[in-house]
N, C-alpha and C. Protein backbone atom coordinates (compact mmCIF):
# COMPACT_ATOMS: atom_id res chain seq x y z
N GLN A 1 -10.63 -49.25 -73.28
CA GLN A 1 -10.28 -50.64 -72.95
C GLN A 1 -9.19 -50.78 -71.93
N VAL A 2 -9.31 -51.46 -70.87
CA VAL A 2 -8.35 -51.67 -69.83
C VAL A 2 -7.24 -52.58 -70.29
N GLN A 3 -6.02 -52.41 -70.19
CA GLN A 3 -5.00 -53.22 -70.45
C GLN A 3 -4.38 -53.81 -69.15
N LEU A 4 -4.18 -55.05 -69.00
CA LEU A 4 -3.55 -55.71 -67.95
C LEU A 4 -2.27 -56.33 -68.39
N VAL A 5 -1.21 -55.89 -67.63
CA VAL A 5 0.16 -56.46 -68.13
C VAL A 5 0.63 -57.28 -67.01
N GLU A 6 0.90 -58.50 -67.20
CA GLU A 6 1.45 -59.47 -66.10
C GLU A 6 2.97 -59.49 -66.30
N SER A 7 3.67 -59.76 -65.18
CA SER A 7 5.12 -60.05 -65.20
C SER A 7 5.59 -60.92 -64.07
N GLY A 8 6.72 -61.42 -64.09
CA GLY A 8 7.15 -62.14 -63.03
C GLY A 8 7.20 -63.73 -63.00
N GLY A 9 6.71 -64.20 -64.13
CA GLY A 9 6.86 -65.63 -64.35
C GLY A 9 8.16 -66.08 -64.68
N GLY A 10 8.33 -67.42 -64.67
CA GLY A 10 9.65 -67.97 -64.97
C GLY A 10 9.85 -69.43 -64.56
N LEU A 11 11.01 -69.77 -64.45
CA LEU A 11 11.29 -71.33 -64.18
C LEU A 11 11.90 -71.31 -62.69
N VAL A 12 11.38 -72.17 -61.89
CA VAL A 12 11.89 -72.27 -60.57
C VAL A 12 11.89 -73.72 -60.06
N GLN A 13 12.66 -74.06 -59.17
CA GLN A 13 12.62 -75.39 -58.60
C GLN A 13 11.52 -75.54 -57.71
N ALA A 14 11.17 -76.77 -57.50
CA ALA A 14 10.13 -77.19 -56.40
C ALA A 14 10.61 -76.65 -55.20
N GLY A 15 9.64 -75.98 -54.39
CA GLY A 15 9.93 -75.33 -53.04
C GLY A 15 10.33 -73.93 -53.10
N GLY A 16 10.53 -73.40 -54.38
CA GLY A 16 11.02 -71.92 -54.51
C GLY A 16 9.77 -71.10 -54.56
N SER A 17 10.13 -69.84 -54.89
CA SER A 17 9.06 -68.80 -54.92
C SER A 17 9.12 -67.95 -56.11
N LEU A 18 7.97 -67.38 -56.51
CA LEU A 18 7.89 -66.34 -57.49
C LEU A 18 6.98 -65.31 -57.07
N ARG A 19 7.04 -64.15 -57.70
CA ARG A 19 5.93 -63.13 -57.33
C ARG A 19 5.56 -62.63 -58.75
N LEU A 20 4.20 -62.72 -59.01
CA LEU A 20 3.63 -62.24 -60.25
C LEU A 20 3.07 -60.83 -59.97
N SER A 21 3.11 -59.96 -60.99
CA SER A 21 2.53 -58.67 -60.91
C SER A 21 1.59 -58.48 -62.05
N CYS A 22 0.56 -57.62 -61.82
CA CYS A 22 -0.45 -57.42 -62.97
C CYS A 22 -0.73 -55.94 -62.77
N ALA A 23 -0.24 -55.10 -63.68
CA ALA A 23 -0.46 -53.72 -63.75
C ALA A 23 -1.64 -53.36 -64.66
N ALA A 24 -2.55 -52.54 -64.08
CA ALA A 24 -3.75 -52.26 -64.89
C ALA A 24 -3.54 -50.85 -65.44
N SER A 25 -3.92 -50.59 -66.70
CA SER A 25 -3.86 -49.24 -67.16
C SER A 25 -4.98 -48.41 -66.53
N GLY A 26 -4.72 -46.96 -66.72
CA GLY A 26 -5.60 -46.14 -66.22
C GLY A 26 -5.65 -45.95 -64.69
N ARG A 27 -6.55 -45.19 -64.14
CA ARG A 27 -6.62 -44.90 -62.76
C ARG A 27 -7.57 -45.57 -61.98
N THR A 28 -8.63 -46.22 -62.71
CA THR A 28 -9.71 -46.89 -62.05
C THR A 28 -9.29 -48.16 -61.47
N SER A 29 -9.68 -48.51 -60.27
CA SER A 29 -9.37 -49.78 -59.68
C SER A 29 -10.39 -50.63 -59.88
N TYR A 30 -10.03 -52.03 -59.79
CA TYR A 30 -11.05 -53.07 -60.03
C TYR A 30 -10.84 -54.20 -59.03
N ALA A 31 -11.75 -55.05 -58.82
CA ALA A 31 -11.63 -56.25 -58.21
C ALA A 31 -10.80 -57.19 -59.07
N MET A 32 -9.80 -57.93 -58.57
CA MET A 32 -8.80 -58.53 -59.47
C MET A 32 -8.84 -59.99 -59.03
N GLY A 33 -8.42 -60.80 -60.07
CA GLY A 33 -8.42 -62.19 -59.76
C GLY A 33 -7.10 -62.84 -60.60
N TRP A 34 -6.71 -63.88 -60.14
CA TRP A 34 -5.65 -64.71 -60.90
C TRP A 34 -6.32 -66.08 -61.10
N PHE A 35 -5.95 -66.43 -62.39
CA PHE A 35 -6.42 -67.81 -62.90
C PHE A 35 -5.17 -68.46 -63.42
N ARG A 36 -5.21 -69.67 -63.67
CA ARG A 36 -4.05 -70.48 -64.38
C ARG A 36 -4.72 -71.53 -65.27
N GLN A 37 -3.78 -71.92 -66.24
CA GLN A 37 -4.20 -72.98 -67.22
C GLN A 37 -3.01 -73.68 -67.54
N ALA A 38 -3.07 -75.04 -67.18
CA ALA A 38 -2.05 -75.96 -67.57
C ALA A 38 -2.30 -76.63 -68.82
N PRO A 39 -1.37 -77.16 -69.48
CA PRO A 39 -1.60 -77.90 -70.81
C PRO A 39 -2.61 -78.95 -70.70
N GLY A 40 -3.55 -78.88 -71.60
CA GLY A 40 -4.56 -79.92 -71.61
C GLY A 40 -5.61 -79.84 -70.49
N LYS A 41 -5.55 -78.73 -69.81
CA LYS A 41 -6.56 -78.55 -68.70
C LYS A 41 -7.35 -77.32 -68.88
N GLU A 42 -8.42 -77.17 -68.13
CA GLU A 42 -9.18 -75.98 -68.17
C GLU A 42 -8.60 -74.86 -67.36
N ARG A 43 -9.03 -73.73 -67.67
CA ARG A 43 -8.48 -72.56 -66.81
C ARG A 43 -9.20 -72.75 -65.41
N GLU A 44 -8.42 -72.46 -64.39
CA GLU A 44 -8.94 -72.70 -63.07
C GLU A 44 -8.55 -71.40 -62.20
N TYR A 45 -9.34 -71.08 -61.26
CA TYR A 45 -9.35 -69.97 -60.39
C TYR A 45 -8.26 -70.23 -59.44
N VAL A 46 -7.41 -69.22 -59.06
CA VAL A 46 -6.36 -69.36 -58.11
C VAL A 46 -6.59 -68.50 -56.77
N ALA A 47 -6.93 -67.12 -57.11
CA ALA A 47 -7.10 -66.24 -56.01
C ALA A 47 -7.74 -65.05 -56.50
N GLY A 48 -8.38 -64.39 -55.54
CA GLY A 48 -9.01 -63.01 -55.90
C GLY A 48 -8.95 -62.11 -54.81
N ILE A 49 -9.06 -60.72 -55.08
CA ILE A 49 -9.02 -59.68 -54.07
C ILE A 49 -10.03 -58.77 -54.45
N SER A 50 -10.80 -58.10 -53.43
CA SER A 50 -11.91 -57.31 -53.81
C SER A 50 -11.31 -55.80 -54.21
N ARG A 51 -12.31 -55.11 -54.62
CA ARG A 51 -11.81 -53.70 -54.99
C ARG A 51 -11.25 -52.84 -53.79
N SER A 52 -11.79 -53.12 -52.66
CA SER A 52 -11.41 -52.46 -51.43
C SER A 52 -10.09 -53.12 -50.96
N GLY A 53 -9.79 -54.35 -51.27
CA GLY A 53 -8.75 -54.99 -50.76
C GLY A 53 -9.04 -55.75 -49.41
N GLY A 54 -10.28 -55.48 -48.89
CA GLY A 54 -10.77 -56.21 -47.67
C GLY A 54 -11.21 -57.58 -47.79
N GLY A 55 -11.60 -57.99 -49.00
CA GLY A 55 -11.94 -59.34 -49.27
C GLY A 55 -10.89 -60.08 -50.15
N ILE A 56 -10.72 -61.26 -49.72
CA ILE A 56 -9.62 -62.16 -50.38
C ILE A 56 -10.10 -63.57 -50.21
N TYR A 57 -9.87 -64.25 -51.39
CA TYR A 57 -10.31 -65.68 -51.39
C TYR A 57 -9.23 -66.53 -52.31
N TYR A 58 -8.93 -67.76 -51.78
CA TYR A 58 -7.99 -68.68 -52.39
C TYR A 58 -8.68 -69.92 -52.80
N HIS A 59 -8.14 -70.53 -53.92
CA HIS A 59 -8.53 -71.94 -54.17
C HIS A 59 -7.79 -72.76 -53.17
N ASP A 60 -8.50 -73.84 -52.74
CA ASP A 60 -7.92 -74.71 -51.74
C ASP A 60 -6.60 -75.26 -52.11
N SER A 61 -6.20 -75.37 -53.32
CA SER A 61 -4.90 -76.02 -53.61
C SER A 61 -3.75 -74.98 -53.43
N VAL A 62 -4.08 -73.72 -53.35
CA VAL A 62 -2.95 -72.73 -53.13
C VAL A 62 -3.01 -72.05 -51.64
N ARG A 63 -4.10 -72.08 -51.00
CA ARG A 63 -4.29 -71.50 -49.61
C ARG A 63 -3.14 -71.92 -48.73
N GLY A 64 -2.54 -70.97 -48.13
CA GLY A 64 -1.44 -71.16 -47.19
C GLY A 64 -0.09 -71.08 -47.96
N ARG A 65 -0.12 -71.12 -49.33
CA ARG A 65 1.14 -70.98 -50.01
C ARG A 65 1.23 -69.76 -50.80
N PHE A 66 0.10 -69.30 -51.43
CA PHE A 66 -0.03 -68.17 -52.17
C PHE A 66 -0.59 -66.99 -51.50
N THR A 67 -0.24 -65.78 -51.76
CA THR A 67 -0.77 -64.56 -51.14
C THR A 67 -1.06 -63.58 -52.22
N ILE A 68 -2.30 -63.11 -52.29
CA ILE A 68 -2.73 -62.11 -53.17
C ILE A 68 -2.61 -60.69 -52.47
N SER A 69 -2.26 -59.64 -53.12
CA SER A 69 -2.30 -58.32 -52.56
C SER A 69 -2.51 -57.29 -53.74
N ARG A 70 -2.57 -56.08 -53.31
CA ARG A 70 -2.77 -55.01 -54.27
C ARG A 70 -2.14 -53.70 -53.83
N ASP A 71 -1.68 -52.89 -54.60
CA ASP A 71 -1.14 -51.61 -54.37
C ASP A 71 -1.97 -50.58 -55.08
N SER A 72 -2.94 -49.94 -54.47
CA SER A 72 -3.94 -49.17 -55.21
C SER A 72 -3.26 -47.94 -55.87
N ALA A 73 -2.17 -47.42 -55.22
CA ALA A 73 -1.50 -46.29 -55.69
C ALA A 73 -0.91 -46.63 -57.12
N LYS A 74 -0.46 -47.85 -57.32
CA LYS A 74 0.13 -48.23 -58.55
C LYS A 74 -0.77 -49.03 -59.47
N ASN A 75 -2.05 -49.16 -58.92
CA ASN A 75 -3.05 -49.95 -59.72
C ASN A 75 -2.60 -51.27 -60.05
N THR A 76 -1.87 -52.01 -59.20
CA THR A 76 -1.22 -53.25 -59.39
C THR A 76 -1.70 -54.37 -58.47
N ALA A 77 -1.87 -55.49 -58.93
CA ALA A 77 -2.18 -56.66 -58.05
C ALA A 77 -0.90 -57.57 -58.14
N TYR A 78 -0.74 -58.32 -57.08
CA TYR A 78 0.42 -59.33 -56.98
C TYR A 78 0.03 -60.61 -56.47
N LEU A 79 0.78 -61.59 -56.84
CA LEU A 79 0.49 -62.90 -56.49
C LEU A 79 1.83 -63.52 -55.95
N GLN A 80 1.97 -63.57 -54.67
CA GLN A 80 3.23 -64.01 -54.12
C GLN A 80 2.94 -65.62 -54.00
N MET A 81 3.85 -66.38 -54.59
CA MET A 81 3.74 -67.89 -54.67
C MET A 81 4.88 -68.56 -53.94
N ASN A 82 4.66 -69.07 -52.81
CA ASN A 82 5.71 -69.84 -52.11
C ASN A 82 5.53 -71.38 -52.10
N THR A 83 6.66 -72.00 -51.75
CA THR A 83 6.68 -73.49 -51.64
C THR A 83 5.96 -73.96 -53.00
N LEU A 84 6.43 -73.63 -54.12
CA LEU A 84 5.79 -74.00 -55.42
C LEU A 84 6.07 -75.46 -55.66
N LYS A 85 5.08 -76.10 -56.33
CA LYS A 85 5.04 -77.49 -56.62
C LYS A 85 5.03 -77.65 -58.18
N PRO A 86 5.42 -78.88 -58.67
CA PRO A 86 5.38 -79.07 -60.17
C PRO A 86 3.93 -78.89 -60.65
N GLU A 87 2.86 -79.21 -59.84
CA GLU A 87 1.58 -79.15 -60.27
C GLU A 87 1.19 -77.69 -60.31
N ASP A 88 1.86 -76.74 -59.90
CA ASP A 88 1.54 -75.30 -60.07
C ASP A 88 1.92 -74.79 -61.47
N THR A 89 2.64 -75.68 -62.16
CA THR A 89 3.03 -75.23 -63.57
C THR A 89 1.84 -74.90 -64.40
N ALA A 90 1.88 -73.70 -65.03
CA ALA A 90 0.75 -73.29 -65.87
C ALA A 90 1.05 -71.82 -66.37
N VAL A 91 0.15 -71.42 -67.31
CA VAL A 91 0.14 -70.10 -67.74
C VAL A 91 -0.77 -69.25 -66.67
N TYR A 92 -0.32 -68.34 -66.08
CA TYR A 92 -1.05 -67.52 -65.08
C TYR A 92 -1.62 -66.32 -65.74
N TYR A 93 -2.98 -66.06 -65.43
CA TYR A 93 -3.55 -64.84 -66.06
C TYR A 93 -4.18 -64.03 -64.94
N CYS A 94 -3.98 -62.65 -65.13
CA CYS A 94 -4.74 -61.86 -64.11
C CYS A 94 -5.95 -61.26 -64.85
N ALA A 95 -6.96 -60.97 -64.08
CA ALA A 95 -8.22 -60.48 -64.62
C ALA A 95 -8.77 -59.50 -63.81
N ALA A 96 -9.63 -58.54 -64.40
CA ALA A 96 -10.28 -57.50 -63.64
C ALA A 96 -11.77 -57.55 -63.91
N ASP A 97 -12.48 -57.30 -62.71
CA ASP A 97 -13.87 -57.31 -62.65
C ASP A 97 -14.39 -55.84 -62.43
N ARG A 98 -14.98 -55.20 -63.49
CA ARG A 98 -15.33 -53.83 -63.52
C ARG A 98 -16.70 -53.45 -62.87
N HIS A 99 -17.48 -54.56 -62.38
CA HIS A 99 -18.83 -54.36 -61.94
C HIS A 99 -18.86 -54.12 -60.42
N ARG A 100 -17.85 -53.99 -59.67
CA ARG A 100 -17.89 -53.83 -58.26
C ARG A 100 -17.72 -52.35 -57.87
N PRO A 101 -18.67 -51.86 -57.03
CA PRO A 101 -18.58 -50.40 -56.65
C PRO A 101 -17.23 -50.20 -55.73
N ASP A 102 -16.98 -48.99 -55.65
CA ASP A 102 -15.69 -48.63 -54.82
C ASP A 102 -15.98 -49.08 -53.42
N HIS A 103 -15.04 -49.55 -52.67
CA HIS A 103 -15.08 -50.05 -51.34
C HIS A 103 -15.81 -51.31 -51.17
N SER A 104 -16.12 -51.99 -52.31
CA SER A 104 -16.73 -53.34 -52.20
C SER A 104 -15.70 -54.35 -51.74
N ASP A 105 -16.20 -55.29 -50.89
CA ASP A 105 -15.40 -56.37 -50.40
C ASP A 105 -15.75 -57.69 -51.31
N TYR A 106 -16.45 -57.61 -52.29
CA TYR A 106 -16.84 -58.80 -53.04
C TYR A 106 -15.69 -59.31 -53.77
N VAL A 107 -15.56 -60.68 -53.75
CA VAL A 107 -14.52 -61.34 -54.44
C VAL A 107 -15.07 -62.30 -55.41
N GLY A 108 -14.90 -62.03 -56.74
CA GLY A 108 -15.33 -62.97 -57.77
C GLY A 108 -14.56 -64.30 -57.70
N VAL A 109 -15.22 -65.44 -58.16
CA VAL A 109 -14.43 -66.70 -58.30
C VAL A 109 -14.65 -67.37 -59.57
N LEU A 110 -15.51 -66.79 -60.38
CA LEU A 110 -15.85 -67.36 -61.81
C LEU A 110 -15.24 -66.51 -62.80
N ALA A 111 -14.63 -67.20 -63.85
CA ALA A 111 -14.01 -66.48 -64.90
C ALA A 111 -15.05 -65.54 -65.61
N VAL A 112 -16.38 -66.06 -65.71
CA VAL A 112 -17.28 -65.13 -66.27
C VAL A 112 -17.64 -63.81 -65.73
N GLN A 113 -17.17 -63.65 -64.37
CA GLN A 113 -17.45 -62.46 -63.67
C GLN A 113 -16.29 -61.45 -64.07
N PHE A 114 -15.38 -61.76 -64.82
CA PHE A 114 -14.15 -60.89 -65.01
C PHE A 114 -14.23 -60.40 -66.37
N ASP A 115 -13.99 -59.08 -66.60
CA ASP A 115 -14.29 -58.48 -67.93
C ASP A 115 -12.91 -58.28 -68.79
N TYR A 116 -11.79 -58.14 -68.11
CA TYR A 116 -10.59 -57.86 -68.81
C TYR A 116 -9.57 -58.82 -68.29
N TRP A 117 -8.80 -59.29 -69.28
CA TRP A 117 -7.69 -60.35 -68.98
C TRP A 117 -6.31 -59.85 -69.53
N GLY A 118 -5.31 -60.33 -68.85
CA GLY A 118 -4.05 -60.15 -69.33
C GLY A 118 -3.53 -61.24 -70.27
N GLN A 119 -2.39 -61.11 -70.80
CA GLN A 119 -1.89 -61.99 -71.86
C GLN A 119 -1.42 -63.29 -71.30
N GLY A 120 -1.11 -63.48 -70.03
CA GLY A 120 -0.64 -64.57 -69.30
C GLY A 120 0.87 -64.46 -69.28
N THR A 121 1.26 -65.22 -68.21
CA THR A 121 2.67 -65.33 -68.01
C THR A 121 3.09 -66.73 -67.54
N GLN A 122 4.00 -67.37 -68.07
CA GLN A 122 4.29 -68.84 -67.79
C GLN A 122 5.03 -69.02 -66.55
N VAL A 123 4.57 -69.92 -65.65
CA VAL A 123 5.21 -70.33 -64.48
C VAL A 123 5.52 -71.85 -64.70
N THR A 124 6.81 -72.21 -64.51
CA THR A 124 7.26 -73.59 -64.72
C THR A 124 8.01 -73.93 -63.38
N VAL A 125 7.48 -75.04 -62.75
CA VAL A 125 8.16 -75.51 -61.56
C VAL A 125 8.69 -76.82 -61.81
N SER A 126 10.05 -77.08 -61.64
CA SER A 126 10.70 -78.23 -62.00
C SER A 126 10.82 -79.13 -60.72
N ALA A 127 10.76 -80.36 -60.79
CA ALA A 127 10.85 -81.25 -59.73
C ALA A 127 12.21 -81.39 -58.99
């Protein structure tokens, strides 16, 4: 069983920045995704990166403000969040998709495509 451990959440003022990290156990790399869930709302897709790192996709609401990346040597994915807004407040989850072959540029965008999930990290943006 793969474990995903997120870190980097916290409280920040609007316009500020945070960087989330997601460390995967073991040596196998995966296509990764970030999702978020605000109180009373459904979980929504934020960004994804392919197993190769060559494919990246963002939800329209974060494109241009958030940057997803990965460090294969550390088996860790990152989500750099800039120009944060109060509406970005949510619990952020990272997820891993184990079905993609090595060097795949495929980026999943649906929660059902991901097999492993982290415990979530709270991001709160004050106005």
